[in-house]
Amino acid sequence: MAEPRKAACRKDLAPAPIPGDGAPGPVGVNAGLSCAREGGAMTAFLDTDHLARATFEDADLEAELLDLFRDQCRRLAPGLAGEGAAGQRREDAHTLKGAARAIGAGPLAESLERLEAALAERADPPPRAELAAFAAALGPTLAALEARRAVLPA
């Protein structure tokens, strides 16, 4: 049996602000952590093997899907912090959760699942701990997405 690969990690990324909060702050225990498996198949935030399977290893389709996901995050993430109606925030968290799972962004999907559940229980005030976990996963996920996107066709 082959020996498992060890992750190479960097802690040089700055913590992301809570979406809509405008102020940096503690965003969870994984703030600023970016890990990648040797060979580039998986980062802690984006499973590129999953993404390749989901797009039938079509680089153009993969690029289009990543672009759509990035745009969806930019459109929906700010509203999760309380700028919209409670039901809409829960729907947006659900939408992003499914999209994150589809591209292999597991940690982001998990944070959105917890946020969605918290919004179902208590929408106002917005659940800060769950928003912080979401912010902690969003920045590194988008960074991993951009790194992957950079090696795909324009």
Protein backbone atom coordinates (compact mmCIF):
# COMPACT_ATOMS: atom_id res chain seq x y z
CA MET A 1 0.00 0.00 0.00
CA ALA A 2 1.25 3.46 -0.89
CA GLU A 3 2.13 5.86 1.88
CA PRO A 4 -0.40 8.72 2.24
CA ARG A 5 0.73 12.08 0.97
CA LYS A 6 1.40 14.76 3.53
CA ALA A 7 -0.13 18.20 3.17
CA ALA A 8 2.05 21.24 2.69
CA CYS A 9 0.46 24.17 4.48
CA ARG A 10 0.84 27.93 4.50
CA LYS A 11 -0.38 30.26 7.20
CA ASP A 12 0.44 33.49 5.42
CA LEU A 13 -3.08 34.39 4.27
CA ALA A 14 -4.89 37.12 6.19
CA PRO A 15 -8.19 36.30 7.89
CA ALA A 16 -11.20 37.24 5.80
CA PRO A 17 -13.81 39.66 7.14
CA ILE A 18 -17.26 38.35 7.95
CA PRO A 19 -19.35 38.94 4.78
CA GLY A 20 -21.21 42.22 5.09
CA ASP A 21 -19.53 43.05 8.41
CA GLY A 22 -16.81 45.23 6.90
CA ALA A 23 -14.43 44.57 9.76
CA PRO A 24 -11.76 41.90 10.00
CA GLY A 25 -11.86 39.72 13.02
CA PRO A 26 -11.53 36.20 14.26
CA VAL A 27 -12.94 33.89 11.66
CA GLY A 28 -12.37 30.47 13.13
CA VAL A 29 -9.53 28.13 13.84
CA ASN A 30 -8.67 27.62 10.18
CA ALA A 31 -8.34 31.31 9.38
CA GLY A 32 -5.45 31.94 7.07
CA LEU A 33 -4.69 28.27 6.48
CA SER A 34 -4.23 27.01 2.94
CA CYS A 35 -3.15 23.42 2.40
CA ALA A 36 -2.43 21.51 -0.79
CA ARG A 37 -1.67 17.89 -1.45
CA GLU A 38 1.45 17.21 -3.45
CA GLY A 39 0.57 16.82 -7.11
CA GLY A 40 -2.11 19.51 -6.90
CA ALA A 41 -5.05 17.09 -6.89
CA MET A 42 -6.64 18.57 -3.80
CA THR A 43 -6.38 21.62 -1.64
CA ALA A 44 -8.03 21.84 1.73
CA PHE A 45 -10.65 24.02 0.06
CA LEU A 46 -11.11 22.70 -3.50
CA ASP A 47 -11.01 19.07 -4.64
CA THR A 48 -9.86 19.37 -8.24
CA ASP A 49 -10.20 15.61 -8.82
CA HIS A 50 -13.90 15.91 -7.97
CA LEU A 51 -14.18 18.95 -10.22
CA ALA A 52 -12.53 17.12 -13.12
CA ARG A 53 -14.93 14.18 -12.72
CA ALA A 54 -17.93 16.51 -12.49
CA THR A 55 -16.92 18.21 -15.74
CA PHE A 56 -15.95 14.96 -17.53
CA GLU A 57 -12.36 16.28 -17.60
CA ASP A 58 -13.44 19.01 -20.01
CA ALA A 59 -11.19 21.99 -19.19
CA ASP A 60 -13.48 24.49 -20.94
CA LEU A 61 -16.49 23.26 -18.96
CA GLU A 62 -14.45 23.33 -15.75
CA ALA A 63 -13.42 26.94 -16.42
CA GLU A 64 -17.03 27.93 -17.12
CA LEU A 65 -18.26 26.23 -13.96
CA LEU A 66 -15.62 27.94 -11.82
CA ASP A 67 -16.48 31.32 -13.34
CA LEU A 68 -20.17 30.78 -12.62
CA PHE A 69 -19.45 29.72 -9.04
CA ARG A 70 -17.20 32.73 -8.42
CA ASP A 71 -19.90 35.07 -9.76
CA GLN A 72 -22.56 33.35 -7.67
CA CYS A 73 -20.44 33.80 -4.54
CA ARG A 74 -19.93 37.49 -5.29
CA ARG A 75 -23.66 37.94 -5.80
CA LEU A 76 -25.00 35.94 -2.84
CA ALA A 77 -22.36 36.08 -0.09
CA PRO A 78 -22.94 39.71 0.98
CA GLY A 79 -26.64 39.06 1.63
CA LEU A 80 -25.94 36.19 4.00
CA ALA A 81 -24.82 38.62 6.70
CA GLY A 82 -28.26 40.11 7.08
CA GLU A 83 -28.89 42.49 4.22
CA GLY A 84 -31.91 40.52 2.99
CA ALA A 85 -35.01 38.85 4.34
CA ALA A 86 -34.37 35.88 6.63
CA GLY A 87 -35.94 33.38 4.24
CA GLN A 88 -33.88 34.70 1.35
CA ARG A 89 -30.66 34.42 3.36
CA ARG A 90 -31.45 30.78 4.13
CA GLU A 91 -32.24 30.10 0.45
CA ASP A 92 -29.00 31.79 -0.62
CA ALA A 93 -27.00 29.68 1.86
CA HIS A 94 -28.72 26.57 0.50
CA THR A 95 -27.99 27.59 -3.11
CA LEU A 96 -24.32 28.26 -2.43
CA LYS A 97 -24.03 25.03 -0.43
CA GLY A 98 -25.19 22.97 -3.40
CA ALA A 99 -22.94 24.84 -5.81
CA ALA A 100 -19.95 24.41 -3.49
CA ARG A 101 -20.58 20.68 -3.27
CA ALA A 102 -20.89 20.47 -7.05
CA ILE A 103 -17.41 21.90 -7.62
CA GLY A 104 -15.72 20.04 -4.76
CA ALA A 105 -15.47 22.89 -2.26
CA GLY A 106 -16.20 20.69 0.76
CA PRO A 107 -15.19 22.97 3.65
CA LEU A 108 -17.20 25.85 2.17
CA ALA A 109 -20.22 23.57 1.68
CA GLU A 110 -19.94 22.36 5.28
CA SER A 111 -19.81 25.92 6.61
CA LEU A 112 -22.85 26.82 4.51
CA GLU A 113 -24.73 23.79 5.79
CA ARG A 114 -24.17 24.97 9.37
CA LEU A 115 -25.11 28.54 8.40
CA GLU A 116 -28.29 27.35 6.68
CA ALA A 117 -29.29 25.38 9.78
CA ALA A 118 -28.56 28.33 12.06
CA LEU A 119 -30.60 30.65 9.84
CA ALA A 120 -33.50 28.20 10.00
CA GLU A 121 -33.38 28.33 13.80
CA ARG A 122 -32.58 32.01 14.31
CA ALA A 123 -32.28 34.56 11.53
CA ASP A 124 -32.01 37.78 13.53
CA PRO A 125 -29.49 38.71 14.61
CA PRO A 126 -27.46 36.83 11.99
CA PRO A 127 -25.57 33.89 13.53
CA ARG A 128 -22.06 35.36 13.91
CA ALA A 129 -20.21 32.10 14.61
CA GLU A 130 -21.60 30.45 11.49
CA LEU A 131 -20.95 33.58 9.41
CA ALA A 132 -17.38 33.62 10.71
CA ALA A 133 -16.90 29.97 9.71
CA PHE A 134 -18.32 30.75 6.27
CA ALA A 135 -15.96 33.71 5.87
CA ALA A 136 -13.03 31.56 7.00
CA ALA A 137 -13.79 29.07 4.22
CA LEU A 138 -14.86 31.52 1.51
CA GLY A 139 -11.60 33.45 1.05
CA PRO A 140 -9.32 30.42 0.74
CA THR A 141 -11.87 28.64 -1.46
CA LEU A 142 -11.96 31.57 -3.87
CA ALA A 143 -8.15 31.73 -3.80
CA ALA A 144 -7.96 28.02 -4.65
CA LEU A 145 -10.56 28.55 -7.36
CA GLU A 146 -8.54 31.40 -8.89
CA ALA A 147 -5.36 29.33 -8.78
CA ARG A 148 -7.12 26.48 -10.57
CA ARG A 149 -8.78 28.87 -13.01
CA ALA A 150 -5.37 30.32 -13.94
CA VAL A 151 -4.27 27.02 -15.47
CA LEU A 152 -7.46 26.51 -17.47
CA PRO A 153 -8.36 27.93 -20.91
CA ALA A 154 -9.49 31.56 -20.99
